[in-house]
Amino acid sequence: MVLNDLNKLIQGGFKEDIYLLRGPSGSGKSSFCLSLMKDFLDKGKKCVYVCTEDSPEEIKEIVKREFNWNLSEYEKNNLLYFICAEAKKHGEENVVDIRNLNELSILISEKISEIGKFYFFFDTLSTSIIYNGAEQTLKFIQDQIEKFEENKICAFFLLETIHPKEVIDMLSYFFDGVFEFKISDESEGVSRFFRILYIKGFFHETSWFEFKLTKEGIKFIGILFKD
């Protein structure tokens, strides 16, 4: 379980704050979030997942194929809620065009009013930066952070590292913690790594840890954690 691993990497255990997950495409950010989300869902916690690249149905198909998880069951049990924010899509329930950040913000606020506390996942901020620019995306982030802090909602925002360093650093500044991902393509195959760059106010492990994508989700390898 990803949540168990985070508990061991952070002094005093995982903190329910607002995090940025940043790294190149293919480095495992989405799989990490989906594995973490499943940990919360299996504990009976509610989750809201905003997707900006793949539709909810595509995500459920990918998860079923890669991890053999049936996310539809969590939807039926009113634990998992998707918001589709792909470009040029709108007009349906829980569907909004990513180019309309005000409408997306309203929809998120409605979810807070509708279901109360939940764990929030946004995949990915890069889509908003591409369509709306860094300045508008930053304002959107600040608005969401304000409402999440007020309602004690733990949130995870994903960001591709395709943007200028100053943009990445500017966005990172506003989060309570930043998780970094990297990928190495060598002759033996692809290797993926994770580290906690920082969590404000807490001690934590800062080393890079290798992980694998398995049928059970994210699995850290080569690390002996002390219980």
Protein backbone atom coordinates (compact mmCIF):
# COMPACT_ATOMS: atom_id res chain seq x y z
CA MET A 1 0.00 0.00 0.00
CA VAL A 2 1.35 3.41 -0.98
CA LEU A 3 -0.19 4.98 2.12
CA ASN A 4 1.75 2.60 4.38
CA ASP A 5 5.00 3.49 2.61
CA LEU A 6 4.33 7.23 3.01
CA ASN A 7 3.64 6.66 6.70
CA LYS A 8 7.15 5.20 7.02
CA LEU A 9 8.85 7.95 5.02
CA ILE A 10 7.35 10.85 6.98
CA GLN A 11 8.11 11.38 10.65
CA GLY A 12 4.85 10.86 12.54
CA GLY A 13 3.14 9.43 9.45
CA PHE A 14 1.40 10.82 6.39
CA LYS A 15 0.03 14.35 6.77
CA GLU A 16 -3.31 15.28 5.23
CA ASP A 17 -2.17 18.42 3.44
CA ILE A 18 -2.12 19.73 -0.12
CA TYR A 19 0.56 18.22 -2.34
CA LEU A 20 2.08 18.72 -5.76
CA LEU A 21 3.35 15.65 -7.64
CA ARG A 22 5.75 16.70 -10.36
CA GLY A 23 7.80 14.76 -12.89
CA PRO A 24 8.11 13.87 -16.57
CA SER A 25 5.46 12.01 -18.52
CA GLY A 26 5.59 8.27 -17.91
CA SER A 27 7.33 8.57 -14.54
CA GLY A 28 4.39 7.03 -12.65
CA LYS A 29 2.62 10.07 -11.18
CA SER A 30 -0.87 9.00 -12.24
CA SER A 31 -0.31 5.38 -11.19
CA PHE A 32 0.98 6.61 -7.83
CA CYS A 33 -2.14 8.73 -7.32
CA LEU A 34 -4.47 5.94 -8.40
CA SER A 35 -2.77 3.53 -5.99
CA LEU A 36 -3.02 6.06 -3.19
CA MET A 37 -6.64 6.76 -4.06
CA LYS A 38 -7.46 3.06 -3.89
CA ASP A 39 -5.90 2.92 -0.41
CA PHE A 40 -8.29 5.65 0.71
CA LEU A 41 -11.28 4.05 -1.03
CA ASP A 42 -10.56 0.69 0.61
CA LYS A 43 -10.73 2.47 3.96
CA GLY A 44 -14.20 3.74 3.07
CA LYS A 45 -13.00 7.30 2.35
CA LYS A 46 -14.59 9.38 -0.40
CA CYS A 47 -12.46 10.58 -3.33
CA VAL A 48 -12.94 13.07 -6.16
CA TYR A 49 -10.76 12.61 -9.25
CA VAL A 50 -10.48 15.39 -11.85
CA CYS A 51 -9.21 14.11 -15.20
CA THR A 52 -8.07 16.51 -17.92
CA GLU A 53 -6.52 14.14 -20.48
CA ASP A 54 -8.40 10.82 -20.34
CA SER A 55 -12.13 10.44 -19.77
CA PRO A 56 -13.40 8.67 -16.64
CA GLU A 57 -14.33 5.64 -18.73
CA GLU A 58 -10.83 5.51 -20.24
CA ILE A 59 -9.27 5.74 -16.78
CA LYS A 60 -11.47 2.92 -15.49
CA GLU A 61 -10.50 0.78 -18.49
CA ILE A 62 -6.79 1.49 -17.99
CA VAL A 63 -7.00 0.69 -14.27
CA LYS A 64 -8.91 -2.51 -14.97
CA ARG A 65 -6.34 -3.61 -17.56
CA GLU A 66 -3.20 -2.58 -15.66
CA PHE A 67 -4.19 -3.28 -12.05
CA ASN A 68 -7.38 -5.38 -12.30
CA TRP A 69 -9.28 -2.88 -10.11
CA ASN A 70 -12.95 -2.19 -10.66
CA LEU A 71 -13.39 1.51 -9.93
CA SER A 72 -17.04 1.36 -10.98
CA GLU A 73 -17.84 -0.51 -7.77
CA TYR A 74 -16.57 2.44 -5.73
CA GLU A 75 -18.74 4.76 -7.82
CA LYS A 76 -21.81 2.61 -7.18
CA ASN A 77 -21.09 2.76 -3.45
CA ASN A 78 -20.87 6.58 -3.59
CA LEU A 79 -17.21 6.64 -2.64
CA LEU A 80 -15.63 7.73 -5.93
CA TYR A 81 -16.66 10.75 -7.99
CA PHE A 82 -15.12 11.76 -11.31
CA ILE A 83 -15.05 15.24 -12.81
CA CYS A 84 -14.16 15.20 -16.50
CA ALA A 85 -12.32 18.39 -17.48
CA GLU A 86 -11.07 17.58 -20.95
CA ALA A 87 -10.75 20.43 -23.44
CA LYS A 88 -13.84 21.05 -25.60
CA LYS A 89 -16.04 18.82 -23.44
CA HIS A 90 -18.96 20.30 -21.53
CA GLY A 91 -22.72 20.18 -21.09
CA GLU A 92 -23.03 16.87 -19.26
CA GLU A 93 -23.20 16.18 -15.54
CA ASN A 94 -19.74 16.42 -13.92
CA VAL A 95 -18.22 17.44 -17.26
CA VAL A 96 -16.57 20.82 -17.83
CA ASP A 97 -14.17 22.32 -20.39
CA ILE A 98 -10.72 22.82 -18.82
CA ARG A 99 -10.60 26.21 -20.54
CA ASN A 100 -13.37 27.37 -18.18
CA LEU A 101 -11.62 27.31 -14.80
CA ASN A 102 -14.39 29.29 -13.10
CA GLU A 103 -16.93 26.62 -14.01
CA LEU A 104 -14.55 23.90 -12.85
CA SER A 105 -14.02 25.70 -9.53
CA ILE A 106 -17.79 25.95 -9.06
CA LEU A 107 -18.19 22.24 -9.77
CA ILE A 108 -15.55 21.40 -7.15
CA SER A 109 -17.32 23.64 -4.63
CA GLU A 110 -20.57 21.82 -5.38
CA LYS A 111 -18.86 18.51 -4.62
CA ILE A 112 -17.77 19.86 -1.25
CA SER A 113 -21.35 20.91 -0.48
CA GLU A 114 -22.73 17.63 -1.80
CA ILE A 115 -20.48 15.02 -0.21
CA GLY A 116 -18.50 16.85 2.49
CA LYS A 117 -14.93 15.81 3.21
CA PHE A 118 -13.06 13.84 0.55
CA TYR A 119 -9.61 13.22 -0.89
CA PHE A 120 -9.01 15.22 -4.06
CA PHE A 121 -6.89 14.32 -7.11
CA PHE A 122 -6.22 16.59 -10.10
CA ASP A 123 -4.58 15.01 -13.15
CA THR A 124 -3.05 17.22 -14.54
CA LEU A 125 -2.35 20.93 -14.04
CA SER A 126 -0.26 20.90 -17.22
CA THR A 127 -3.42 20.76 -19.32
CA SER A 128 -4.64 23.96 -17.69
CA ILE A 129 -1.29 25.68 -18.19
CA ILE A 130 -1.34 24.76 -21.88
CA TYR A 131 -4.87 26.11 -22.44
CA ASN A 132 -5.11 28.88 -19.82
CA GLY A 133 -1.54 29.93 -19.09
CA ALA A 134 0.44 29.78 -15.87
CA GLU A 135 -1.08 32.93 -14.33
CA GLN A 136 -4.71 31.80 -14.59
CA THR A 137 -3.75 28.30 -13.47
CA LEU A 138 -2.00 29.70 -10.40
CA LYS A 139 -5.08 31.73 -9.44
CA PHE A 140 -7.20 28.59 -9.83
CA ILE A 141 -4.79 26.65 -7.58
CA GLN A 142 -4.86 29.37 -4.93
CA ASP A 143 -8.68 29.40 -4.95
CA GLN A 144 -8.83 25.61 -4.54
CA ILE A 145 -6.21 25.60 -1.78
CA GLU A 146 -8.20 28.20 0.15
CA LYS A 147 -11.42 26.17 0.04
CA PHE A 148 -9.61 22.89 0.72
CA GLU A 149 -7.89 24.30 3.80
CA GLU A 150 -11.20 25.67 5.03
CA ASN A 151 -12.89 22.29 4.59
CA LYS A 152 -9.87 20.19 5.71
CA ILE A 153 -9.59 18.39 2.37
CA CYS A 154 -6.38 16.56 1.48
CA ALA A 155 -5.47 17.15 -2.17
CA PHE A 156 -2.98 15.96 -4.77
CA PHE A 157 -2.24 17.97 -7.94
CA LEU A 158 -0.14 16.47 -10.74
CA LEU A 159 2.22 18.51 -12.91
CA GLU A 160 4.32 17.51 -15.91
CA THR A 161 7.84 18.97 -15.86
CA ILE A 162 7.57 20.20 -19.45
CA HIS A 163 7.16 23.81 -18.37
CA PRO A 164 9.88 26.42 -17.72
CA LYS A 165 11.64 25.96 -14.38
CA GLU A 166 10.40 29.32 -13.10
CA VAL A 167 6.78 28.25 -13.72
CA ILE A 168 7.29 24.91 -11.96
CA ASP A 169 9.01 26.58 -8.99
CA MET A 170 6.33 29.27 -8.74
CA LEU A 171 3.51 26.72 -8.64
CA SER A 172 5.41 24.47 -6.21
CA TYR A 173 5.77 27.30 -3.69
CA PHE A 174 2.06 27.30 -2.82
CA PHE A 175 1.82 23.62 -1.82
CA ASP A 176 2.37 22.13 1.64
CA GLY A 177 4.49 19.38 0.14
CA VAL A 178 6.07 18.34 -3.15
CA PHE A 179 6.65 14.77 -4.34
CA GLU A 180 9.08 14.32 -7.23
CA PHE A 181 9.23 11.55 -9.84
CA LYS A 182 11.87 10.66 -12.40
CA ILE A 183 12.34 7.97 -15.02
CA SER A 184 15.50 6.29 -16.32
CA ASP A 185 15.51 4.38 -19.60
CA GLU A 186 18.48 2.02 -19.57
CA SER A 187 19.45 -1.16 -21.40
CA GLU A 188 17.83 -3.24 -18.63
CA GLY A 189 14.53 -1.40 -19.11
CA VAL A 190 12.66 1.52 -17.65
CA SER A 191 13.18 2.42 -13.99
CA ARG A 192 10.99 4.83 -12.04
CA PHE A 193 11.90 6.74 -8.89
CA PHE A 194 10.10 8.75 -6.21
CA ARG A 195 11.20 11.12 -3.50
CA ILE A 196 9.69 13.63 -1.09
CA LEU A 197 11.24 16.97 -2.00
CA TYR A 198 9.74 18.68 1.03
CA ILE A 199 6.79 18.82 3.41
CA LYS A 200 6.55 22.12 5.23
CA GLY A 201 7.13 21.78 8.95
CA PHE A 202 7.92 18.05 9.04
CA PHE A 203 10.98 15.82 8.90
CA HIS A 204 10.96 13.17 6.21
CA GLU A 205 13.19 10.88 4.15
CA THR A 206 14.64 12.72 1.14
CA SER A 207 16.31 9.86 -0.79
CA TRP A 208 15.13 8.64 -4.18
CA PHE A 209 13.28 5.31 -3.99
CA GLU A 210 12.75 3.03 -6.96
CA PHE A 211 9.26 1.64 -7.52
CA LYS A 212 7.57 -0.74 -9.94
CA LEU A 213 4.15 -0.71 -11.55
CA THR A 214 2.61 -4.09 -10.70
CA LYS A 215 -0.82 -5.68 -10.94
CA GLU A 216 -1.33 -4.65 -7.31
CA GLY A 217 -0.37 -1.04 -8.04
CA ILE A 218 2.76 0.82 -6.93
CA LYS A 219 5.41 -1.29 -5.21
CA PHE A 220 8.61 0.21 -3.77
CA ILE A 221 11.61 -2.08 -4.21
CA GLY A 222 15.06 -2.45 -2.67
CA ILE A 223 14.05 -0.61 0.50
CA LEU A 224 13.90 -2.06 4.00
CA PHE A 225 11.63 0.07 6.13
CA LYS A 226 11.74 -0.18 9.89
CA ASP A 227 8.34 -0.84 11.48
